[in-house]
């Protein structure tokens, strides 16, 4: 867990980062367990489809357990459905979410699900023991590892307000964090504070609810017992909110460690903090304890994914840029996987930036979608 900033300790940490940290091999080899074409084998649309509607962006993959991986995608039915009452998702039957659950070891199909969906805000979130939550619109559905629906929950919206829900499962797997915020946020104006519900991930019952002390803002990532948000009045700043609603800013001296330019922050398992951007990635257990420093000169750390003590990072030659609604992709992409306990790099693989999605398992296996193919890799040093 992060502790208050201390100037002498920070000077020591920066010195440590300059001289570097120990680690494993720089160019590890990886074993490809299997690969699959998602269109020809499972009937998905291409994952690099042009995102000109919100529902086209609702797709991805996740490890439900060390033994199972799920690929999901929202699609529109070919024929428009007649008007009908909206279901828990907020939709009326025109959209569906397709899930393919596959065995990590050899890729055989464990299950196929096709569920009603809304045209926005869909995701699949692992919890514990192979259980998972499917979010669609303002509806949450909890499924067991045997694919039984255990519970549902409808996220409440206030009438007359332009609002959106952000939902994530805490990295511990026992709590669903749901934040209701204004759809459009102007940091120069005093906005309404965001409302938070904490749900039991095993039942979807509300454990706690509170209003955040900071107005507006976005929740970005959730650790074990904190959520990271970008909020503020007059200006936006990074801060941590614990599960009792207490908010603390992240000191700029931490977020600017070692001169990282164009930095981003992410909260990982065990409430570790990742700071990444141009040239490097740093993972902190506290302001006085750096777990990992990865350096890629003249490259950009675009995003990170973590599970337990494993972390995967997307490295590109330039960030994705948007012009007139069209994405300008990087020239190349690379996915590296690390063991935070040993600081060893387990996997490093070049991939296509087209339709790129990735996830890491609780045991360090890596799943990557690119060029409409799914690969599952395992580091040979394990």
Protein backbone atom coordinates (compact mmCIF):
# COMPACT_ATOMS: atom_id res chain seq x y z
CA UNK A 1 0.00 0.00 0.00
CA UNK A 2 1.27 3.52 -0.74
CA UNK A 3 2.44 5.56 2.21
CA UNK A 4 2.86 9.34 2.59
CA UNK A 5 5.59 10.99 0.53
CA UNK A 6 8.91 11.59 2.26
CA UNK A 7 11.60 13.79 0.65
CA UNK A 8 14.76 11.96 1.86
CA UNK A 9 13.28 8.60 0.92
CA UNK A 10 12.35 9.91 -2.52
CA UNK A 11 15.92 11.06 -3.14
CA UNK A 12 17.11 7.57 -2.24
CA UNK A 13 14.56 6.02 -4.60
CA UNK A 14 15.53 8.21 -7.55
CA UNK A 15 19.15 7.21 -7.01
CA UNK A 16 18.09 3.58 -7.06
CA UNK A 17 16.21 4.09 -10.31
CA UNK A 18 19.16 5.81 -11.98
CA UNK A 19 21.46 2.87 -11.25
CA UNK A 20 18.73 0.36 -12.11
CA UNK A 21 17.27 -2.73 -10.54
CA UNK A 22 18.28 -6.34 -10.85
CA UNK A 23 16.29 -8.58 -13.19
CA UNK A 24 16.17 -11.61 -15.38
CA UNK A 25 17.26 -12.07 -19.00
CA UNK A 26 16.77 -9.12 -21.35
CA UNK A 27 15.47 -11.19 -24.27
CA UNK A 28 13.55 -14.16 -22.88
CA UNK A 29 12.06 -16.70 -25.23
CA UNK A 30 8.42 -17.72 -24.97
CA UNK A 31 6.57 -20.92 -25.73
CA UNK A 32 3.41 -20.48 -27.79
CA UNK A 33 0.88 -22.84 -26.25
CA UNK A 34 -1.58 -22.38 -29.14
CA UNK A 35 -3.11 -19.84 -31.52
CA UNK A 36 -6.56 -19.42 -33.06
CA UNK A 37 -8.16 -17.37 -35.84
CA UNK A 38 -11.08 -15.64 -34.13
CA UNK A 39 -13.09 -15.04 -37.32
CA UNK A 40 -12.83 -18.37 -39.08
CA UNK A 41 -12.92 -20.56 -35.95
CA UNK A 42 -15.41 -18.70 -33.76
CA UNK A 43 -17.34 -16.31 -36.01
CA UNK A 44 -16.18 -13.05 -34.42
CA UNK A 45 -16.01 -9.87 -36.44
CA UNK A 46 -12.52 -8.48 -36.95
CA UNK A 47 -11.07 -6.96 -33.79
CA UNK A 48 -9.53 -4.10 -35.77
CA UNK A 49 -12.96 -3.05 -37.07
CA UNK A 50 -13.37 0.70 -37.51
CA UNK A 51 -14.84 2.17 -34.35
CA UNK A 52 -17.45 4.60 -35.70
CA UNK A 53 -20.12 3.51 -33.20
CA UNK A 54 -19.75 3.00 -29.45
CA UNK A 55 -20.71 -0.69 -29.53
CA UNK A 56 -17.88 -1.48 -31.95
CA UNK A 57 -15.36 -0.75 -29.16
CA UNK A 58 -16.91 -3.24 -26.73
CA UNK A 59 -14.59 -6.24 -27.08
CA UNK A 60 -11.53 -7.79 -25.45
CA UNK A 61 -10.19 -10.77 -23.52
CA UNK A 62 -9.51 -11.78 -19.92
CA UNK A 63 -8.22 -14.75 -17.94
CA UNK A 64 -11.11 -16.07 -15.84
CA UNK A 65 -8.68 -18.34 -13.98
CA UNK A 66 -5.22 -19.82 -14.61
CA UNK A 67 -6.95 -22.53 -16.71
CA UNK A 68 -9.51 -20.48 -18.69
CA UNK A 69 -9.42 -17.45 -20.98
CA UNK A 70 -12.44 -15.64 -22.42
CA UNK A 71 -12.73 -13.61 -25.63
CA UNK A 72 -15.79 -11.35 -25.95
CA UNK A 73 -17.28 -8.99 -28.51
CA UNK A 74 -20.53 -7.02 -28.85
CA UNK A 75 -22.31 -7.32 -32.19
CA UNK A 76 -25.54 -6.09 -33.71
CA UNK A 77 -28.18 -8.51 -34.94
CA UNK A 78 -28.57 -8.44 -38.74
CA UNK A 79 -32.28 -7.61 -38.52
CA UNK A 80 -33.58 -4.87 -36.29
CA UNK A 81 -35.79 -6.19 -33.50
CA UNK A 82 -39.30 -4.75 -32.97
CA UNK A 83 -39.79 -2.32 -30.12
CA UNK A 84 -39.87 -4.08 -26.78
CA UNK A 85 -39.42 -3.40 -23.09
CA UNK A 86 -35.80 -2.85 -22.11
CA UNK A 87 -34.17 -5.60 -20.09
CA UNK A 88 -31.61 -5.29 -17.27
CA UNK A 89 -28.93 -4.25 -19.79
CA UNK A 90 -30.92 -1.25 -20.94
CA UNK A 91 -31.19 -2.71 -24.43
CA UNK A 92 -34.19 -3.97 -26.38
CA UNK A 93 -32.70 -6.98 -28.16
CA UNK A 94 -30.76 -5.44 -31.05
CA UNK A 95 -27.32 -6.22 -29.64
CA UNK A 96 -25.69 -9.31 -28.16
CA UNK A 97 -22.36 -10.08 -26.52
CA UNK A 98 -20.57 -13.22 -27.70
CA UNK A 99 -18.27 -15.04 -25.27
CA UNK A 100 -15.89 -17.85 -26.14
CA UNK A 101 -14.34 -19.52 -23.10
CA UNK A 102 -11.23 -21.50 -24.02
CA UNK A 103 -8.83 -23.82 -22.20
CA UNK A 104 -5.48 -22.11 -21.58
CA UNK A 105 -3.45 -25.29 -22.10
CA UNK A 106 -4.58 -26.31 -25.58
CA UNK A 107 -7.25 -23.83 -26.71
CA UNK A 108 -10.21 -26.22 -26.85
CA UNK A 109 -13.62 -24.62 -26.42
CA UNK A 110 -14.99 -24.89 -22.90
CA UNK A 111 -18.19 -22.92 -23.54
CA UNK A 112 -19.90 -20.55 -25.95
CA UNK A 113 -22.30 -17.89 -24.65
CA UNK A 114 -24.42 -15.37 -26.51
CA UNK A 115 -26.15 -12.93 -24.15
CA UNK A 116 -28.37 -9.87 -24.64
CA UNK A 117 -26.41 -6.62 -24.62
CA UNK A 118 -26.82 -2.89 -24.80
CA UNK A 119 -25.03 -0.88 -27.46
CA UNK A 120 -22.45 0.47 -25.03
CA UNK A 121 -20.43 -0.25 -21.88
CA UNK A 122 -19.94 -4.01 -22.12
CA UNK A 123 -17.15 -6.00 -20.49
CA UNK A 124 -16.26 -9.29 -18.82
CA UNK A 125 -14.68 -9.06 -15.36
CA UNK A 126 -13.12 -12.06 -13.55
CA UNK A 127 -13.80 -12.35 -9.81
CA UNK A 128 -12.67 -15.42 -7.84
CA UNK A 129 -12.58 -19.20 -8.33
CA UNK A 130 -13.34 -18.93 -12.05
CA UNK A 131 -16.49 -16.86 -11.49
CA UNK A 132 -17.01 -13.78 -13.64
CA UNK A 133 -19.31 -10.79 -14.19
CA UNK A 134 -20.71 -9.72 -17.54
CA UNK A 135 -21.53 -6.04 -17.68
CA UNK A 136 -23.84 -4.74 -20.39
CA UNK A 137 -25.19 -1.23 -20.18
CA UNK A 138 -26.38 -0.66 -16.62
CA UNK A 139 -26.76 -4.36 -15.89
CA UNK A 140 -24.36 -6.76 -14.12
CA UNK A 141 -24.76 -10.54 -14.30
CA UNK A 142 -22.67 -12.88 -12.15
CA UNK A 143 -21.79 -16.34 -13.48
CA UNK A 144 -20.13 -19.31 -11.81
CA UNK A 145 -17.25 -21.28 -13.30
CA UNK A 146 -19.90 -23.86 -14.33
CA UNK A 147 -21.72 -21.03 -16.21
CA UNK A 148 -24.72 -20.81 -13.89
CA UNK A 149 -26.15 -17.32 -13.48
CA UNK A 150 -25.83 -16.60 -9.76
CA UNK A 151 -27.08 -13.03 -9.47
CA UNK A 152 -27.95 -9.85 -11.35
CA UNK A 153 -27.79 -6.19 -10.40
CA UNK A 154 -29.04 -3.04 -12.12
CA UNK A 155 -26.90 0.05 -11.66
CA UNK A 156 -29.21 2.96 -10.77
CA UNK A 157 -29.24 6.17 -12.80
CA UNK A 158 -30.79 9.43 -11.67
CA UNK A 159 -33.54 10.81 -13.90
CA UNK A 160 -32.79 13.92 -15.86
CA UNK A 161 -29.01 13.58 -15.46
CA UNK A 162 -26.38 12.83 -18.13
CA UNK A 163 -24.46 10.12 -16.31
CA UNK A 164 -22.24 7.11 -16.89
CA UNK A 165 -21.16 4.19 -14.72
CA UNK A 166 -17.58 2.95 -14.55
CA UNK A 167 -17.19 -0.58 -13.17
CA UNK A 168 -14.18 -2.68 -12.27
CA UNK A 169 -13.48 -5.62 -10.00
CA UNK A 170 -10.86 -4.98 -7.32
CA UNK A 171 -7.68 -6.94 -7.97
CA UNK A 172 -8.40 -9.00 -4.84
CA UNK A 173 -11.45 -10.34 -6.71
CA UNK A 174 -13.86 -9.83 -3.82
CA UNK A 175 -15.33 -6.37 -4.54
CA UNK A 176 -16.99 -4.72 -7.52
CA UNK A 177 -16.31 -0.98 -7.61
CA UNK A 178 -19.00 0.99 -9.47
CA UNK A 179 -18.67 4.76 -9.88
CA UNK A 180 -21.51 6.91 -11.22
CA UNK A 181 -20.25 10.20 -12.61
CA UNK A 182 -21.36 12.94 -14.93
CA UNK A 183 -21.07 11.92 -18.56
CA UNK A 184 -19.27 15.11 -19.55
CA UNK A 185 -16.88 16.77 -17.12
CA UNK A 186 -15.59 20.34 -17.30
CA UNK A 187 -12.71 20.69 -14.80
CA UNK A 188 -13.11 24.48 -14.81
CA UNK A 189 -16.63 24.15 -13.42
CA UNK A 190 -17.72 22.81 -10.07
CA UNK A 191 -19.39 19.53 -10.94
CA UNK A 192 -21.39 17.03 -8.94
CA UNK A 193 -19.33 14.58 -6.87
CA UNK A 194 -19.24 11.02 -8.14
CA UNK A 195 -21.29 8.37 -6.35
CA UNK A 196 -19.69 5.02 -5.47
CA UNK A 197 -21.18 1.61 -4.77
CA UNK A 198 -19.08 -1.31 -3.52
CA UNK A 199 -20.67 -4.68 -4.28
CA UNK A 200 -19.81 -8.11 -2.95
CA UNK A 201 -18.36 -9.86 -6.01
CA UNK A 202 -19.75 -13.21 -4.79
CA UNK A 203 -23.38 -12.02 -4.53
CA UNK A 204 -23.65 -8.54 -6.13
CA UNK A 205 -25.12 -7.27 -2.86
CA UNK A 206 -24.23 -3.67 -1.96
CA UNK A 207 -21.62 -3.64 0.83
CA UNK A 208 -21.14 0.12 1.02
CA UNK A 209 -22.10 3.32 -0.81
CA UNK A 210 -20.73 6.83 -0.52
CA UNK A 211 -20.26 10.10 -2.38
CA UNK A 212 -16.69 11.01 -3.27
CA UNK A 213 -15.29 14.17 -1.73
CA UNK A 214 -13.90 15.34 -5.08
CA UNK A 215 -16.21 16.59 -7.80
CA UNK A 216 -16.31 14.97 -11.22
CA UNK A 217 -13.39 12.94 -12.41
CA UNK A 218 -12.76 9.52 -13.88
CA UNK A 219 -11.96 6.28 -12.09
CA UNK A 220 -9.08 4.72 -14.00
CA UNK A 221 -7.96 1.55 -12.19
CA UNK A 222 -8.65 -0.34 -8.97
CA UNK A 223 -6.18 -2.11 -6.68
CA UNK A 224 -6.97 -4.28 -3.68
CA UNK A 225 -8.44 -1.60 -1.41
CA UNK A 226 -8.06 1.67 -3.33
CA UNK A 227 -9.19 3.18 -6.61
CA UNK A 228 -7.14 5.58 -8.70
CA UNK A 229 -8.98 8.56 -10.15
CA UNK A 230 -8.30 11.71 -12.12
CA UNK A 231 -10.45 14.36 -10.47
CA UNK A 232 -10.55 17.82 -9.01
CA UNK A 233 -12.12 21.25 -9.01
CA UNK A 234 -10.44 23.92 -11.11
CA UNK A 235 -7.81 21.42 -12.21
CA UNK A 236 -7.66 17.66 -12.55
CA UNK A 237 -5.17 15.74 -10.44
CA UNK A 238 -4.39 12.12 -9.65
CA UNK A 239 -5.61 10.77 -6.35
CA UNK A 240 -6.30 7.58 -4.41
CA UNK A 241 -9.66 6.89 -2.78
CA UNK A 242 -9.88 4.07 -0.26
CA UNK A 243 -12.96 1.90 0.12
CA UNK A 244 -14.19 4.12 2.95
CA UNK A 245 -14.28 7.16 0.65
CA UNK A 246 -11.13 8.95 1.88
CA UNK A 247 -9.28 10.70 -0.95
CA UNK A 248 -5.57 11.58 -1.01
CA UNK A 249 -3.70 13.28 -3.86
CA UNK A 250 -0.68 11.59 -5.39
CA UNK A 251 2.28 13.99 -5.01
CA UNK A 252 3.60 15.34 -8.29
CA UNK A 253 7.10 14.38 -7.14
CA UNK A 254 6.06 10.70 -7.39
CA UNK A 255 4.24 10.98 -10.70
CA UNK A 256 7.25 12.73 -12.27
CA UNK A 257 9.80 10.16 -11.12
CA UNK A 258 13.05 10.09 -13.06
CA UNK A 259 11.76 12.49 -15.70
CA UNK A 260 9.13 10.23 -17.28
CA UNK A 261 7.48 12.32 -20.00
CA UNK A 262 3.83 12.07 -21.00
CA UNK A 263 3.29 9.81 -18.03
CA UNK A 264 0.28 7.72 -17.13
CA UNK A 265 -0.59 6.05 -13.85
CA UNK A 266 -2.18 2.72 -13.04
CA UNK A 267 -3.10 0.97 -9.81
CA UNK A 268 -2.20 -2.72 -9.78
CA UNK A 269 -2.75 -5.74 -7.56
CA UNK A 270 -1.64 -5.23 -3.95
CA UNK A 271 -2.16 -1.46 -4.53
CA UNK A 272 1.16 -1.19 -6.36
CA UNK A 273 1.41 1.98 -8.45
CA UNK A 274 2.67 1.90 -12.04
CA UNK A 275 4.04 5.09 -13.62
CA UNK A 276 4.73 4.77 -17.32
CA UNK A 277 5.12 6.77 -20.50
CA UNK A 278 7.99 7.75 -22.74
CA UNK A 279 11.06 5.49 -22.41
CA UNK A 280 10.25 3.71 -19.16
CA UNK A 281 7.94 2.01 -16.70
CA UNK A 282 8.31 2.08 -12.91
CA UNK A 283 6.30 -0.01 -10.43
CA UNK A 284 6.22 1.18 -6.81
CA UNK A 285 5.08 -0.72 -3.74
CA UNK A 286 5.47 2.56 -1.84
CA UNK A 287 7.39 5.80 -2.38
CA UNK A 288 10.39 4.06 -0.81
CA UNK A 289 10.16 0.68 -2.54
CA UNK A 290 10.54 0.27 -6.30
CA UNK A 291 9.72 -3.24 -7.52
CA UNK A 292 10.51 -2.83 -11.18
CA UNK A 293 12.03 -0.41 -13.64
CA UNK A 294 11.84 -1.21 -17.35
CA UNK A 295 13.57 1.00 -19.93
CA UNK A 296 12.96 1.06 -23.69
CA UNK A 297 14.84 4.04 -25.20
CA UNK A 298 12.89 6.07 -27.77
CA UNK A 299 9.76 3.97 -27.20
CA UNK A 300 6.50 4.58 -25.37
CA UNK A 301 4.82 2.44 -22.71
CA UNK A 302 1.22 2.64 -23.93
CA UNK A 303 -0.67 0.51 -21.39
CA UNK A 304 -0.21 -2.08 -18.64
CA UNK A 305 -2.20 -5.04 -17.36
CA UNK A 306 -1.54 -6.84 -14.07
CA UNK A 307 -2.72 -9.92 -12.21
CA UNK A 308 -1.38 -10.81 -8.79
CA UNK A 309 2.45 -10.50 -9.04
CA UNK A 310 2.59 -10.51 -12.84
CA UNK A 311 2.51 -7.50 -15.15
CA UNK A 312 2.31 -7.11 -18.93
CA UNK A 313 3.15 -3.88 -20.76
CA UNK A 314 2.37 -2.68 -24.27
CA UNK A 315 5.35 -0.85 -25.83
CA UNK A 316 5.00 1.13 -29.07
CA UNK A 317 7.08 3.55 -31.12
CA UNK A 318 4.46 6.30 -30.73
CA UNK A 319 1.13 6.69 -28.93
CA UNK A 320 -2.12 6.15 -30.84
CA UNK A 321 -3.30 9.43 -32.35
CA UNK A 322 -6.80 10.29 -33.56
CA UNK A 323 -7.52 12.57 -36.52
CA UNK A 324 -11.10 13.25 -37.60
CA UNK A 325 -12.21 10.21 -35.65
CA UNK A 326 -9.71 7.84 -37.28
CA UNK A 327 -6.91 6.18 -35.34
CA UNK A 328 -3.31 6.48 -36.52
CA UNK A 329 -1.70 3.29 -35.27
CA UNK A 330 1.91 2.92 -34.12
CA UNK A 331 4.42 1.47 -36.56
CA UNK A 332 5.06 -1.53 -34.30
CA UNK A 333 4.02 -2.94 -30.93
CA UNK A 334 5.68 -5.22 -28.39
CA UNK A 335 4.22 -6.95 -25.34
CA UNK A 336 6.53 -7.71 -22.41
CA UNK A 337 5.56 -9.73 -19.33
CA UNK A 338 7.31 -9.48 -15.95
CA UNK A 339 7.34 -11.31 -12.63
CA UNK A 340 7.25 -8.55 -10.00
CA UNK A 341 8.52 -10.91 -7.29
CA UNK A 342 11.80 -11.57 -9.10
CA UNK A 343 11.86 -8.59 -11.52
CA UNK A 344 12.44 -11.11 -14.31
CA UNK A 345 11.16 -10.46 -17.82
CA UNK A 346 9.30 -13.63 -18.74
CA UNK A 347 8.08 -12.85 -22.25
CA UNK A 348 8.90 -10.31 -24.95
CA UNK A 349 7.08 -10.61 -28.25
CA UNK A 350 6.61 -8.33 -31.27
CA UNK A 351 2.98 -8.09 -32.40
CA UNK A 352 0.86 -6.19 -34.89
CA UNK A 353 -0.74 -3.02 -33.49
CA UNK A 354 -3.94 -3.77 -35.46
CA UNK A 355 -6.81 -4.77 -33.18
CA UNK A 356 -4.42 -5.30 -30.27
CA UNK A 357 -5.75 -6.56 -26.92
CA UNK A 358 -3.85 -8.44 -24.23
CA UNK A 359 -4.24 -9.92 -20.75
CA UNK A 360 -2.04 -11.72 -18.24
CA UNK A 361 -3.06 -14.66 -16.08
CA UNK A 362 -2.58 -15.20 -12.31
CA UNK A 363 0.32 -17.53 -13.24
CA UNK A 364 1.98 -15.21 -15.77
CA UNK A 365 0.68 -16.67 -19.05
CA UNK A 366 0.03 -14.06 -21.71
CA UNK A 367 -2.97 -13.84 -24.03
CA UNK A 368 -2.74 -11.52 -27.04
CA UNK A 369 -5.22 -10.64 -29.79
CA UNK A 370 -3.63 -9.06 -32.87
CA UNK A 371 -4.32 -9.34 -36.59
CA UNK A 372 -7.53 -11.10 -35.55
CA UNK A 373 -5.57 -14.00 -34.02
CA UNK A 374 -5.46 -15.08 -30.40
CA UNK A 375 -2.12 -16.34 -29.08
CA UNK A 376 -1.46 -17.78 -25.64
CA UNK A 377 2.18 -17.69 -24.56
CA UNK A 378 4.16 -19.02 -21.61
CA UNK A 379 7.62 -17.85 -20.58
CA UNK A 380 10.16 -20.65 -20.89
CA UNK A 381 11.99 -19.50 -17.76
CA UNK A 382 9.02 -20.47 -15.59
